[in-house]
């Protein structure tokens, strides 16, 4: 998988142990300049973690652009389709979503690869920043 293009990234302080959580979505921490996780399904996100820091270390976060992301499509109702919308799964991983007339969805980006089922596959996505649909 090749990543072409640019990212807007920023350094934050890791508010939790992100070792083994590179390429998962993170949220704003309780203190300015801090990121935290590990997120739940349909959570609002700040960006995608690009490294694997421990507590208090520098966390590099993709705020916008092309990035890798780990998937969690265990449920057959949440496949990722090429060009489809992405929201958070448990642990800050990516799962597919479809906009419906009921409820709100925190859209995090667009999948650039398809995953029909399974967990732990690393794909390419365009992270747009969370917005409510």
C-alpha atoms as a PDB file:
ATOM      1  CA  UNK A   1       0.000   0.000   0.000  1.00  0.00           C
ATOM      2  CA  UNK A   2       1.446   3.324  -1.021  1.00  0.00           C
ATOM      3  CA  UNK A   3       0.430   6.639   0.451  1.00  0.00           C
ATOM      4  CA  UNK A   4       0.699   9.545  -1.979  1.00  0.00           C
ATOM      5  CA  UNK A   5      -0.031  13.154  -1.168  1.00  0.00           C
ATOM      6  CA  UNK A   6       0.156  15.352   1.845  1.00  0.00           C
ATOM      7  CA  UNK A   7      -0.961  15.280   5.432  1.00  0.00           C
ATOM      8  CA  UNK A   8      -1.515  18.026   7.909  1.00  0.00           C
ATOM      9  CA  UNK A   9       0.048  16.692  11.107  1.00  0.00           C
ATOM     10  CA  UNK A  10       0.647  18.145  14.542  1.00  0.00           C
ATOM     11  CA  UNK A  11       2.553  17.034  17.612  1.00  0.00           C
ATOM     12  CA  UNK A  12       0.561  16.520  20.810  1.00  0.00           C
ATOM     13  CA  UNK A  13       1.343  15.020  24.212  1.00  0.00           C
ATOM     14  CA  UNK A  14       0.120  11.475  24.654  1.00  0.00           C
ATOM     15  CA  UNK A  15      -2.369  11.273  27.519  1.00  0.00           C
ATOM     16  CA  UNK A  16      -2.371   7.465  27.532  1.00  0.00           C
ATOM     17  CA  UNK A  17      -0.288   4.473  26.499  1.00  0.00           C
ATOM     18  CA  UNK A  18      -0.557   4.300  22.705  1.00  0.00           C
ATOM     19  CA  UNK A  19       2.109   1.654  22.238  1.00  0.00           C
ATOM     20  CA  UNK A  20       0.611  -0.841  19.774  1.00  0.00           C
ATOM     21  CA  UNK A  21      -2.040   1.696  18.664  1.00  0.00           C
ATOM     22  CA  UNK A  22      -0.337   3.376  15.696  1.00  0.00           C
ATOM     23  CA  UNK A  23      -2.786   4.157  12.858  1.00  0.00           C
ATOM     24  CA  UNK A  24      -5.865   4.379  15.072  1.00  0.00           C
ATOM     25  CA  UNK A  25      -8.079   7.411  15.625  1.00  0.00           C
ATOM     26  CA  UNK A  26      -7.573   9.538  18.736  1.00  0.00           C
ATOM     27  CA  UNK A  27      -9.566  12.216  20.561  1.00  0.00           C
ATOM     28  CA  UNK A  28      -8.705  15.515  22.195  1.00  0.00           C
ATOM     29  CA  UNK A  29      -7.557  15.080  25.786  1.00  0.00           C
ATOM     30  CA  UNK A  30      -8.831  16.890  28.856  1.00  0.00           C
ATOM     31  CA  UNK A  31      -5.883  19.324  28.728  1.00  0.00           C
ATOM     32  CA  UNK A  32      -4.918  21.552  25.788  1.00  0.00           C
ATOM     33  CA  UNK A  33      -2.246  19.921  23.633  1.00  0.00           C
ATOM     34  CA  UNK A  34      -3.058  16.378  24.766  1.00  0.00           C
ATOM     35  CA  UNK A  35      -4.588  13.443  22.873  1.00  0.00           C
ATOM     36  CA  UNK A  36      -6.273  10.438  24.366  1.00  0.00           C
ATOM     37  CA  UNK A  37      -8.071   7.257  23.303  1.00  0.00           C
ATOM     38  CA  UNK A  38      -8.923   4.436  22.976  1.00  0.00           C
ATOM     39  CA  UNK A  39     -12.187   5.360  21.247  1.00  0.00           C
ATOM     40  CA  UNK A  40     -15.590   3.697  21.113  1.00  0.00           C
ATOM     41  CA  UNK A  41     -17.953   3.154  18.185  1.00  0.00           C
ATOM     42  CA  UNK A  42     -19.052   6.401  16.469  1.00  0.00           C
ATOM     43  CA  UNK A  43     -16.862   8.603  18.694  1.00  0.00           C
ATOM     44  CA  UNK A  44     -15.789  12.083  17.659  1.00  0.00           C
ATOM     45  CA  UNK A  45     -12.116  12.104  16.654  1.00  0.00           C
ATOM     46  CA  UNK A  46      -9.259  14.591  16.447  1.00  0.00           C
ATOM     47  CA  UNK A  47      -7.111  12.635  13.991  1.00  0.00           C
ATOM     48  CA  UNK A  48      -5.181   9.468  13.228  1.00  0.00           C
ATOM     49  CA  UNK A  49      -2.126   8.584  15.322  1.00  0.00           C
ATOM     50  CA  UNK A  50       1.007   8.242  13.169  1.00  0.00           C
ATOM     51  CA  UNK A  51       3.395   6.849  15.798  1.00  0.00           C
ATOM     52  CA  UNK A  52       3.153   4.724  18.964  1.00  0.00           C
ATOM     53  CA  UNK A  53       4.014   6.867  22.020  1.00  0.00           C
ATOM     54  CA  UNK A  54       3.753   6.011  25.693  1.00  0.00           C
ATOM     55  CA  UNK A  55       2.143   8.334  28.267  1.00  0.00           C
ATOM     56  CA  UNK A  56       3.747  11.797  28.199  1.00  0.00           C
ATOM     57  CA  UNK A  57       5.622  11.230  24.932  1.00  0.00           C
ATOM     58  CA  UNK A  58       5.082  13.119  21.676  1.00  0.00           C
ATOM     59  CA  UNK A  59       2.144  11.864  19.628  1.00  0.00           C
ATOM     60  CA  UNK A  60       2.145  12.754  15.930  1.00  0.00           C
ATOM     61  CA  UNK A  61      -1.434  13.044  14.691  1.00  0.00           C
ATOM     62  CA  UNK A  62      -2.733  13.360  11.112  1.00  0.00           C
ATOM     63  CA  UNK A  63      -5.384  16.081  11.319  1.00  0.00           C
ATOM     64  CA  UNK A  64      -6.237  15.962   7.594  1.00  0.00           C
ATOM     65  CA  UNK A  65      -5.124  13.991   4.576  1.00  0.00           C
ATOM     66  CA  UNK A  66      -4.067  10.538   3.426  1.00  0.00           C
ATOM     67  CA  UNK A  67      -3.198   8.068   6.163  1.00  0.00           C
ATOM     68  CA  UNK A  68      -3.137   4.416   7.047  1.00  0.00           C
ATOM     69  CA  UNK A  69      -5.781   3.119   9.469  1.00  0.00           C
ATOM     70  CA  UNK A  70      -6.463  -0.228  11.109  1.00  0.00           C
ATOM     71  CA  UNK A  71      -9.922  -1.684  10.536  1.00  0.00           C
ATOM     72  CA  UNK A  72     -12.519  -3.477  12.616  1.00  0.00           C
ATOM     73  CA  UNK A  73     -15.239  -4.926  10.378  1.00  0.00           C
ATOM     74  CA  UNK A  74     -16.218  -7.923  12.520  1.00  0.00           C
ATOM     75  CA  UNK A  75     -19.865  -7.090  12.109  1.00  0.00           C
ATOM     76  CA  UNK A  76     -21.184  -7.746   8.582  1.00  0.00           C
ATOM     77  CA  UNK A  77     -23.266  -4.565   8.822  1.00  0.00           C
ATOM     78  CA  UNK A  78     -20.119  -2.390   8.968  1.00  0.00           C
ATOM     79  CA  UNK A  79     -18.026  -3.220   5.869  1.00  0.00           C
ATOM     80  CA  UNK A  80     -15.702  -0.616   4.431  1.00  0.00           C
ATOM     81  CA  UNK A  81     -16.382   0.052   0.764  1.00  0.00           C
ATOM     82  CA  UNK A  82     -14.000   1.732  -1.647  1.00  0.00           C
ATOM     83  CA  UNK A  83     -15.010   5.406  -1.568  1.00  0.00           C
ATOM     84  CA  UNK A  84     -17.375   4.755   1.350  1.00  0.00           C
ATOM     85  CA  UNK A  85     -17.699   6.700   4.579  1.00  0.00           C
ATOM     86  CA  UNK A  86     -15.658   5.786   7.660  1.00  0.00           C
ATOM     87  CA  UNK A  87     -16.519   6.108  11.351  1.00  0.00           C
ATOM     88  CA  UNK A  88     -14.764   4.849  14.474  1.00  0.00           C
ATOM     89  CA  UNK A  89     -15.047   1.270  15.628  1.00  0.00           C
ATOM     90  CA  UNK A  90     -13.962   0.146  19.085  1.00  0.00           C
ATOM     91  CA  UNK A  91     -10.350   0.911  19.897  1.00  0.00           C
ATOM     92  CA  UNK A  92     -10.229   3.818  17.437  1.00  0.00           C
ATOM     93  CA  UNK A  93     -10.144   1.533  14.408  1.00  0.00           C
ATOM     94  CA  UNK A  94     -12.160   2.181  11.234  1.00  0.00           C
ATOM     95  CA  UNK A  95     -15.486   0.719  10.215  1.00  0.00           C
ATOM     96  CA  UNK A  96     -17.879   1.517   7.388  1.00  0.00           C
ATOM     97  CA  UNK A  97     -21.082   3.466   7.753  1.00  0.00           C
ATOM     98  CA  UNK A  98     -24.073   4.591   5.744  1.00  0.00           C
ATOM     99  CA  UNK A  99     -25.995   7.807   6.406  1.00  0.00           C
ATOM    100  CA  UNK A 100     -29.559   7.136   7.516  1.00  0.00           C
ATOM    101  CA  UNK A 101     -32.532   9.340   8.295  1.00  0.00           C
ATOM    102  CA  UNK A 102     -32.354   8.523  12.005  1.00  0.00           C
ATOM    103  CA  UNK A 103     -29.530   9.152  14.425  1.00  0.00           C
ATOM    104  CA  UNK A 104     -26.283  11.017  13.898  1.00  0.00           C
ATOM    105  CA  UNK A 105     -23.002   9.637  12.632  1.00  0.00           C
ATOM    106  CA  UNK A 106     -19.522  11.026  13.262  1.00  0.00           C
ATOM    107  CA  UNK A 107     -17.953  10.720   9.800  1.00  0.00           C
ATOM    108  CA  UNK A 108     -14.141  10.558  10.016  1.00  0.00           C
ATOM    109  CA  UNK A 109     -13.215  10.150   6.371  1.00  0.00           C
ATOM    110  CA  UNK A 110     -13.334   8.127   3.167  1.00  0.00           C
ATOM    111  CA  UNK A 111     -12.058   4.564   2.730  1.00  0.00           C
ATOM    112  CA  UNK A 112      -9.690   4.131  -0.204  1.00  0.00           C
ATOM    113  CA  UNK A 113      -9.778   0.337   0.044  1.00  0.00           C
ATOM    114  CA  UNK A 114     -12.560  -2.147   0.728  1.00  0.00           C
ATOM    115  CA  UNK A 115     -12.776  -4.541   3.696  1.00  0.00           C
ATOM    116  CA  UNK A 116     -15.865  -6.743   3.904  1.00  0.00           C
ATOM    117  CA  UNK A 117     -15.156  -8.494   7.208  1.00  0.00           C
ATOM    118  CA  UNK A 118     -12.502  -9.174   9.806  1.00  0.00           C
ATOM    119  CA  UNK A 119     -10.355  -7.050  12.048  1.00  0.00           C
ATOM    120  CA  UNK A 120      -6.817  -5.724  12.066  1.00  0.00           C
ATOM    121  CA  UNK A 121      -6.257  -5.018   8.383  1.00  0.00           C
ATOM    122  CA  UNK A 122      -4.351  -1.806   7.630  1.00  0.00           C
ATOM    123  CA  UNK A 123      -5.826   0.208   4.749  1.00  0.00           C
ATOM    124  CA  UNK A 124      -5.506   3.643   3.224  1.00  0.00           C
ATOM    125  CA  UNK A 125      -8.074   6.317   4.031  1.00  0.00           C
ATOM    126  CA  UNK A 126      -8.558  10.027   3.502  1.00  0.00           C
ATOM    127  CA  UNK A 127      -9.070  11.540   6.957  1.00  0.00           C
ATOM    128  CA  UNK A 128     -11.318  14.585   6.666  1.00  0.00           C
ATOM    129  CA  UNK A 129     -11.760  15.346  10.317  1.00  0.00           C
ATOM    130  CA  UNK A 130     -14.871  14.334  12.185  1.00  0.00           C
ATOM    131  CA  UNK A 131     -18.108  15.954  11.148  1.00  0.00           C
ATOM    132  CA  UNK A 132     -21.639  15.058  12.126  1.00  0.00           C
ATOM    133  CA  UNK A 133     -24.058  13.730   9.572  1.00  0.00           C
END
